[in-house]
N, C-alpha and C. Protein backbone atom coordinates (compact mmCIF):
# COMPACT_ATOMS: atom_id res chain seq x y z
N UNK A 1 191.35 -16.43 19.01
CA UNK A 1 192.25 -17.99 18.31
C UNK A 1 193.71 -17.33 18.18
N UNK A 2 193.71 -16.47 17.86
CA UNK A 2 195.18 -15.81 17.81
C UNK A 2 196.01 -15.66 19.15
N UNK A 3 195.36 -15.62 19.98
CA UNK A 3 195.98 -15.76 21.47
C UNK A 3 196.28 -17.24 21.95
N UNK A 4 195.00 -18.54 21.20
CA UNK A 4 195.64 -19.71 21.32
C UNK A 4 196.82 -20.05 20.97
N UNK A 5 196.87 -19.79 19.47
CA UNK A 5 198.18 -19.90 18.61
C UNK A 5 199.47 -19.30 19.64
N UNK A 6 199.44 -17.98 20.09
CA UNK A 6 200.78 -17.35 20.72
C UNK A 6 201.08 -17.96 21.73
N UNK A 7 199.85 -18.97 22.83
CA UNK A 7 199.88 -19.57 23.73
C UNK A 7 200.70 -20.88 23.62
N UNK A 8 200.18 -21.26 22.33
CA UNK A 8 201.01 -22.55 22.07
C UNK A 8 202.42 -22.62 21.80
N UNK A 9 203.16 -21.28 20.85
CA UNK A 9 203.97 -20.75 20.65
C UNK A 9 204.93 -20.87 21.61
N UNK A 10 204.53 -19.66 22.66
CA UNK A 10 205.15 -19.82 23.79
C UNK A 10 205.67 -20.78 24.73
N UNK A 11 204.62 -21.81 25.06
CA UNK A 11 204.47 -22.84 26.04
C UNK A 11 206.01 -23.73 24.94
N UNK A 12 205.77 -23.94 23.83
CA UNK A 12 206.89 -24.91 22.61
C UNK A 12 208.41 -24.13 23.15
N UNK A 13 208.28 -22.91 23.18
CA UNK A 13 209.60 -22.21 23.63
C UNK A 13 209.84 -22.44 24.75
N UNK A 14 209.01 -22.51 25.73
CA UNK A 14 209.57 -22.58 27.16
C UNK A 14 210.27 -24.24 27.05
N UNK A 15 209.26 -24.94 26.47
CA UNK A 15 209.64 -26.51 26.52
C UNK A 15 210.64 -26.64 25.89
N UNK A 16 211.45 -26.17 24.96
CA UNK A 16 212.63 -25.77 23.99
C UNK A 16 213.69 -25.52 24.87
N UNK A 17 213.52 -24.38 25.67
CA UNK A 17 214.24 -23.74 26.54
C UNK A 17 214.67 -24.70 27.50
N UNK A 18 213.90 -25.27 28.38
CA UNK A 18 213.84 -26.33 29.64
C UNK A 18 214.69 -27.31 29.16
N UNK A 19 214.38 -28.08 27.61
CA UNK A 19 215.03 -29.11 27.27
C UNK A 19 216.63 -28.85 26.79
N UNK A 20 216.91 -27.58 26.64
CA UNK A 20 218.38 -27.23 26.10
C UNK A 20 219.45 -27.08 27.61
N UNK A 21 218.42 -26.62 28.70
CA UNK A 21 218.97 -26.51 29.81
C UNK A 21 219.48 -28.16 30.61
N UNK A 22 218.50 -29.05 30.21
CA UNK A 22 218.69 -30.52 30.64
C UNK A 22 219.78 -30.91 30.20
N UNK A 23 220.00 -30.75 28.77
CA UNK A 23 221.36 -31.25 27.71
C UNK A 23 222.59 -30.87 28.32
N UNK A 24 222.47 -29.36 28.95
CA UNK A 24 223.77 -28.58 29.05
C UNK A 24 224.00 -28.76 30.56
N UNK A 25 223.59 -29.76 31.58
CA UNK A 25 223.87 -29.73 32.90
C UNK A 25 225.30 -30.79 32.84
N UNK A 26 226.33 -29.96 33.11
CA UNK A 26 227.48 -30.91 33.29
C UNK A 26 227.96 -31.24 34.97
N UNK A 27 228.75 -32.02 34.86
CA UNK A 27 229.41 -32.33 36.23
C UNK A 27 229.99 -31.51 36.84
N UNK A 28 230.89 -30.65 36.18
CA UNK A 28 231.76 -29.75 36.23
C UNK A 28 230.80 -28.41 37.07
N UNK A 29 229.69 -28.01 36.37
CA UNK A 29 228.68 -27.24 36.96
C UNK A 29 228.47 -27.68 38.32
N UNK A 30 228.35 -28.59 39.08
CA UNK A 30 227.91 -28.73 40.44
C UNK A 30 229.01 -28.55 41.28
N UNK A 31 230.33 -28.40 40.65
CA UNK A 31 231.29 -28.10 41.85
C UNK A 31 231.62 -26.76 42.18
N UNK A 32 230.64 -25.87 41.59
CA UNK A 32 230.72 -24.12 41.77
C UNK A 32 229.98 -24.00 43.05
N UNK A 33 229.35 -24.87 43.64
CA UNK A 33 228.45 -24.78 45.00
C UNK A 33 229.38 -25.18 46.09
N UNK A 34 229.54 -23.95 47.01
CA UNK A 34 230.31 -24.12 48.00
C UNK A 34 229.17 -23.37 48.81
N UNK A 35 229.01 -24.35 50.27
CA UNK A 35 228.16 -23.95 51.15
C UNK A 35 227.00 -23.67 50.76
N UNK A 36 226.15 -23.01 51.11
CA UNK A 36 224.53 -22.42 50.49
C UNK A 36 224.12 -20.96 51.04
N UNK A 37 223.79 -20.26 49.74
CA UNK A 37 223.14 -19.24 50.29
C UNK A 37 221.44 -19.05 50.84
N UNK A 38 220.85 -20.09 50.47
CA UNK A 38 219.63 -20.16 51.20
C UNK A 38 219.09 -21.82 50.83
N UNK A 39 218.24 -22.08 51.91
CA UNK A 39 217.95 -23.72 52.05
C UNK A 39 216.64 -23.43 51.42
N UNK A 40 216.08 -24.68 50.84
CA UNK A 40 214.79 -24.55 50.43
C UNK A 40 214.21 -25.73 50.87
N UNK A 41 213.02 -26.07 51.25
CA UNK A 41 212.48 -27.00 51.87
C UNK A 41 211.86 -27.87 50.73
N UNK A 42 211.91 -29.02 51.11
CA UNK A 42 211.26 -30.23 50.61
C UNK A 42 209.74 -30.01 50.51
N UNK A 43 208.61 -30.64 49.75
CA UNK A 43 207.45 -30.52 49.83
C UNK A 43 206.77 -31.23 50.40
N UNK A 44 207.62 -32.43 51.36
CA UNK A 44 207.23 -33.22 52.55
C UNK A 44 207.56 -32.38 54.01
N UNK A 45 208.12 -31.32 53.56
CA UNK A 45 208.52 -29.89 54.69
C UNK A 45 209.06 -30.77 55.84
N UNK A 46 209.60 -31.91 55.94
CA UNK A 46 210.61 -32.33 56.81
C UNK A 46 212.24 -32.08 56.46
N UNK A 47 212.41 -32.18 55.52
CA UNK A 47 214.05 -32.05 54.80
C UNK A 47 214.02 -30.60 54.20
N UNK A 48 215.45 -30.23 54.10
CA UNK A 48 215.35 -29.16 53.31
C UNK A 48 216.76 -29.29 52.58
N UNK A 49 217.06 -28.56 51.26
CA UNK A 49 218.14 -28.70 50.49
C UNK A 49 218.66 -27.37 50.15
N UNK A 50 220.17 -27.68 49.44
CA UNK A 50 220.83 -26.46 49.17
C UNK A 50 220.34 -25.85 47.78
N UNK A 51 221.22 -24.77 47.63
CA UNK A 51 221.46 -24.29 46.29
C UNK A 51 221.76 -25.43 45.40
N UNK A 52 222.62 -26.13 45.77
CA UNK A 52 223.55 -26.79 44.53
C UNK A 52 222.16 -27.98 44.14
N UNK A 53 221.67 -28.59 45.11
CA UNK A 53 220.69 -29.37 45.14
C UNK A 53 219.25 -28.98 44.18
N UNK A 54 218.92 -27.69 44.61
CA UNK A 54 218.12 -27.16 43.87
C UNK A 54 218.17 -26.97 42.26
N UNK A 55 219.72 -26.49 42.07
CA UNK A 55 220.32 -26.38 40.56
C UNK A 55 220.44 -27.94 40.08
N UNK A 56 220.62 -28.96 40.93
CA UNK A 56 220.56 -30.30 40.12
C UNK A 56 219.21 -30.49 39.81
N UNK A 57 218.37 -30.53 40.59
CA UNK A 57 216.97 -30.59 40.61
C UNK A 57 216.49 -30.26 39.17
N UNK A 58 216.45 -28.71 39.19
CA UNK A 58 216.00 -28.30 38.28
C UNK A 58 216.53 -28.58 36.83
N UNK A 59 218.00 -28.51 36.84
CA UNK A 59 218.58 -28.19 34.97
C UNK A 59 218.58 -29.71 35.10
N UNK A 60 218.79 -30.70 35.91
CA UNK A 60 218.64 -32.31 35.54
C UNK A 60 217.73 -33.11 35.62
N UNK A 61 216.58 -32.09 35.53
CA UNK A 61 215.38 -32.83 36.08
C UNK A 61 215.03 -33.59 36.84
N UNK A 62 215.60 -33.72 37.88
CA UNK A 62 215.77 -34.79 39.01
C UNK A 62 215.08 -34.37 40.31
N UNK A 63 213.96 -33.85 39.98
CA UNK A 63 213.21 -33.68 41.50
C UNK A 63 212.94 -35.14 41.88
N UNK A 64 212.66 -36.21 40.96
CA UNK A 64 212.33 -37.33 41.20
C UNK A 64 213.40 -38.15 42.42
N UNK A 65 214.68 -37.67 41.65
CA UNK A 65 215.58 -38.29 42.69
C UNK A 65 215.95 -37.75 44.21
N UNK A 66 215.66 -36.66 44.22
CA UNK A 66 215.87 -35.92 45.79
C UNK A 66 214.36 -36.50 46.36
N UNK A 67 212.89 -36.95 45.57
CA UNK A 67 211.80 -37.37 46.18
C UNK A 67 212.40 -38.87 46.53
N UNK A 68 213.03 -39.68 45.75
CA UNK A 68 213.44 -41.02 46.45
C UNK A 68 214.27 -41.01 47.74
N UNK A 69 215.09 -40.15 47.38
CA UNK A 69 216.10 -40.29 48.63
C UNK A 69 215.41 -39.43 49.99
N UNK A 70 214.39 -38.55 50.06
CA UNK A 70 213.61 -38.24 51.03
C UNK A 70 212.52 -39.49 51.50
N UNK A 71 212.06 -40.09 50.36
CA UNK A 71 211.32 -41.57 50.79
C UNK A 71 211.74 -42.27 51.47
N UNK A 72 213.07 -42.25 51.25
CA UNK A 72 213.94 -43.79 51.91
C UNK A 72 214.03 -42.96 53.44
N UNK A 73 213.88 -41.93 53.40
CA UNK A 73 214.19 -41.73 55.05
C UNK A 73 213.48 -42.54 56.05
N UNK A 74 212.27 -43.09 55.73
CA UNK A 74 211.48 -43.85 56.38
C UNK A 74 211.66 -45.12 56.47
N UNK A 75 212.66 -45.71 55.65
CA UNK A 75 213.06 -47.20 55.43
C UNK A 75 213.76 -47.58 56.91
N UNK A 76 213.41 -48.63 57.34
CA UNK A 76 213.75 -48.99 58.75
C UNK A 76 215.40 -49.35 58.75
N UNK A 77 215.82 -49.25 57.01
CA UNK A 77 217.19 -49.76 57.29
C UNK A 77 217.94 -48.29 57.64
N UNK A 78 217.52 -47.49 57.24
CA UNK A 78 217.93 -45.94 57.41
C UNK A 78 217.39 -45.69 58.99
N UNK A 79 216.33 -46.00 59.09
CA UNK A 79 215.87 -45.14 60.46
C UNK A 79 216.19 -46.12 61.43
N UNK A 80 216.84 -47.35 61.50
CA UNK A 80 217.40 -47.98 62.71
C UNK A 80 218.98 -47.79 62.47
N UNK A 81 219.52 -47.33 61.49
CA UNK A 81 221.02 -47.11 61.75
C UNK A 81 221.44 -45.90 62.24
N UNK A 82 222.26 -45.71 63.24
CA UNK A 82 222.77 -44.77 63.68
C UNK A 82 223.98 -43.77 62.91
N UNK A 83 224.61 -44.59 62.28
CA UNK A 83 225.27 -44.08 61.06
C UNK A 83 224.76 -43.18 60.23
N UNK A 84 223.76 -44.04 59.89
CA UNK A 84 222.85 -43.08 58.59
C UNK A 84 221.97 -42.01 59.18
N UNK A 85 221.67 -41.89 60.41
CA UNK A 85 221.25 -40.93 61.00
C UNK A 85 221.91 -39.67 61.02
N UNK A 86 223.24 -39.92 60.82
CA UNK A 86 224.34 -38.63 61.02
C UNK A 86 224.68 -38.62 59.86
N UNK A 87 224.65 -39.33 58.72
CA UNK A 87 225.37 -38.95 57.60
C UNK A 87 224.86 -39.98 56.34
N UNK A 88 224.40 -39.98 55.12
CA UNK A 88 224.48 -40.74 54.25
C UNK A 88 225.01 -40.38 52.96
N UNK A 89 225.50 -41.43 51.97
CA UNK A 89 226.56 -40.94 51.04
C UNK A 89 225.25 -41.53 49.65
N UNK A 90 224.51 -40.92 49.00
CA UNK A 90 223.57 -41.08 47.70
C UNK A 90 224.40 -41.30 46.55
N UNK A 91 224.58 -42.87 45.76
CA UNK A 91 225.08 -42.21 44.63
C UNK A 91 223.96 -42.62 43.65
N UNK A 92 223.83 -41.80 42.50
CA UNK A 92 223.11 -42.35 41.09
C UNK A 92 224.16 -42.78 39.91
N UNK A 93 224.14 -43.76 39.67
CA UNK A 93 224.98 -44.39 38.69
C UNK A 93 223.86 -44.75 37.38
N UNK A 94 224.05 -44.02 36.16
CA UNK A 94 223.29 -44.40 34.97
C UNK A 94 224.05 -45.07 34.15
N UNK A 95 223.49 -46.24 33.69
CA UNK A 95 224.09 -46.94 32.59
C UNK A 95 223.66 -46.34 31.31
N UNK A 96 224.36 -46.85 30.19
CA UNK A 96 224.75 -46.42 28.91
C UNK A 96 222.77 -46.63 28.17
N UNK A 97 222.14 -47.76 28.74
CA UNK A 97 220.87 -48.12 28.50
C UNK A 97 219.75 -47.51 29.22
N UNK A 98 220.08 -46.40 29.69
CA UNK A 98 219.17 -45.53 30.57
C UNK A 98 218.68 -45.86 31.86
N UNK A 99 219.20 -47.61 32.28
CA UNK A 99 218.73 -47.68 33.46
C UNK A 99 219.79 -46.86 34.48
N UNK A 100 219.36 -47.23 35.74
CA UNK A 100 220.54 -46.83 36.86
C UNK A 100 220.62 -47.58 38.11
N UNK A 101 221.09 -47.08 38.84
CA UNK A 101 221.42 -47.69 40.42
C UNK A 101 221.05 -46.69 41.26
N UNK A 102 219.92 -46.66 42.54
CA UNK A 102 220.57 -45.22 43.51
C UNK A 102 220.82 -46.50 44.38
N UNK A 103 221.84 -45.77 44.95
CA UNK A 103 222.69 -46.34 46.02
C UNK A 103 222.92 -45.83 47.46
N UNK A 104 222.46 -46.06 48.62
CA UNK A 104 223.01 -45.39 49.88
C UNK A 104 224.26 -46.10 50.61
N UNK A 105 225.09 -45.43 50.79
CA UNK A 105 226.32 -45.87 51.66
C UNK A 105 226.49 -45.23 53.03
N UNK A 106 227.07 -46.01 54.03
CA UNK A 106 227.42 -45.28 55.26
C UNK A 106 228.80 -44.35 54.85
N UNK A 107 229.55 -45.69 54.42
CA UNK A 107 231.00 -44.99 53.81
C UNK A 107 231.26 -45.60 52.52
N UNK A 108 232.39 -45.16 52.24
CA UNK A 108 232.70 -45.74 50.71
C UNK A 108 232.69 -47.07 50.77
N UNK A 109 231.87 -47.74 49.61
CA UNK A 109 232.08 -49.43 49.78
C UNK A 109 230.72 -50.21 50.66
N UNK A 110 230.59 -49.36 51.85
CA UNK A 110 229.37 -49.94 52.53
C UNK A 110 228.27 -49.65 52.48
N UNK A 111 227.87 -50.47 51.34
CA UNK A 111 226.10 -50.33 51.10
C UNK A 111 225.23 -50.44 52.08
N UNK A 112 224.41 -49.47 52.36
CA UNK A 112 223.04 -49.83 52.96
C UNK A 112 222.03 -50.32 52.24
N UNK A 113 221.57 -49.85 51.18
CA UNK A 113 220.38 -50.23 50.39
C UNK A 113 220.78 -49.59 48.85
N UNK A 114 219.81 -50.38 47.93
CA UNK A 114 220.12 -50.21 46.60
C UNK A 114 218.73 -50.49 45.82
N UNK A 115 218.64 -49.42 44.94
CA UNK A 115 217.42 -49.69 44.27
C UNK A 115 217.63 -49.63 42.57
N UNK A 116 217.29 -50.81 41.94
CA UNK A 116 217.39 -50.41 40.50
C UNK A 116 216.18 -49.45 39.95
N UNK A 117 216.73 -48.93 38.89
CA UNK A 117 215.75 -47.91 38.46
C UNK A 117 215.63 -48.50 36.73
N UNK A 118 214.71 -48.63 36.35
CA UNK A 118 214.20 -49.35 35.20
C UNK A 118 214.56 -48.13 33.79
N UNK A 119 214.25 -46.88 34.07
CA UNK A 119 214.48 -45.77 33.04
C UNK A 119 214.72 -44.21 33.69
N UNK A 120 215.75 -43.65 33.14
CA UNK A 120 215.84 -42.60 33.59
C UNK A 120 216.50 -41.37 32.31
N UNK A 121 216.17 -40.26 32.42
CA UNK A 121 216.86 -39.46 31.25
C UNK A 121 217.92 -38.45 31.97
N UNK A 122 218.32 -38.84 33.27
CA UNK A 122 219.11 -37.90 33.87
C UNK A 122 220.40 -37.83 32.99
N UNK A 123 220.91 -36.61 33.07
CA UNK A 123 221.82 -36.22 32.18
C UNK A 123 223.28 -36.67 32.15
N UNK A 124 223.60 -36.61 33.67
CA UNK A 124 224.97 -37.23 33.95
C UNK A 124 225.35 -38.71 34.34
N UNK A 125 226.21 -39.09 34.10
CA UNK A 125 226.38 -40.60 34.27
C UNK A 125 226.57 -41.02 35.87
N UNK A 126 226.97 -40.01 36.47
CA UNK A 126 227.14 -40.46 38.19
C UNK A 126 226.77 -38.89 38.78
N UNK A 127 226.05 -39.16 39.90
CA UNK A 127 226.17 -37.96 40.76
C UNK A 127 225.88 -38.69 41.96
N UNK A 128 226.94 -37.71 43.13
CA UNK A 128 226.49 -38.07 44.23
C UNK A 128 225.96 -36.80 45.36
N UNK A 129 225.38 -37.48 46.37
CA UNK A 129 224.38 -36.41 47.13
C UNK A 129 224.40 -36.95 48.43
N UNK A 130 224.68 -35.96 49.63
CA UNK A 130 224.75 -36.14 50.74
C UNK A 130 223.74 -35.97 51.66
N UNK A 131 223.23 -36.52 52.36
CA UNK A 131 222.03 -36.09 53.35
C UNK A 131 223.05 -36.07 55.26
N UNK A 132 223.11 -34.84 55.51
CA UNK A 132 223.02 -34.93 56.99
C UNK A 132 222.13 -34.30 57.72
N UNK A 133 221.69 -35.28 58.49
CA UNK A 133 220.49 -34.73 59.81
C UNK A 133 219.44 -34.63 58.51
N UNK A 134 218.79 -33.29 58.49
CA UNK A 134 217.72 -33.32 57.47
C UNK A 134 218.31 -32.55 56.20
N UNK A 135 219.64 -32.14 55.96
CA UNK A 135 219.97 -31.11 55.12
C UNK A 135 220.22 -32.34 53.59
N UNK A 136 219.84 -32.15 52.85
CA UNK A 136 220.27 -32.55 51.36
C UNK A 136 221.13 -31.66 50.83
N UNK A 137 222.53 -31.98 50.51
CA UNK A 137 223.52 -31.32 49.66
C UNK A 137 224.49 -32.16 49.02
N UNK A 138 225.00 -31.41 47.79
CA UNK A 138 225.97 -32.04 46.98
C UNK A 138 227.49 -31.85 47.90
N UNK A 139 228.45 -32.71 47.68
CA UNK A 139 229.58 -32.94 48.11
C UNK A 139 230.31 -31.48 48.66
N UNK A 140 230.36 -30.79 47.18
CA UNK A 140 231.13 -29.50 47.49
C UNK A 140 230.73 -28.75 48.60
N UNK A 141 229.05 -28.95 48.85
CA UNK A 141 228.68 -27.63 49.79
C UNK A 141 228.49 -28.27 51.23
N UNK A 142 229.37 -29.65 51.53
CA UNK A 142 229.64 -30.41 52.52
C UNK A 142 230.54 -29.26 53.61
């Protein structure tokens, strides 16, 4: 019985630590990533991502964001667009009411697609992610 209480206490502590990590993610943290030392394979196996994207996903609880971007790669608006096959600029813009917009652009202001998100607890007001061929990366890693 003591082991169970100990287990619960450890899980609560781990959860508290994870919550603290999320709250401490700052935009400036992402600028420290230049290039990458290691690539990580997305669970679908087709796309890889950099150290900076891994940090963003883990510290911002944003694995869902990376999944959304990967899922959209099968969308005909992306598959049939030569420019988007070369490079994509994704912006997540979080509103004060915790709704958000996920926007894919060919170039600044040239919107290819947009998705409304009903709720997110993502800690930053805005984040930009690039997709170049099959690599997902932060702008500072480009």
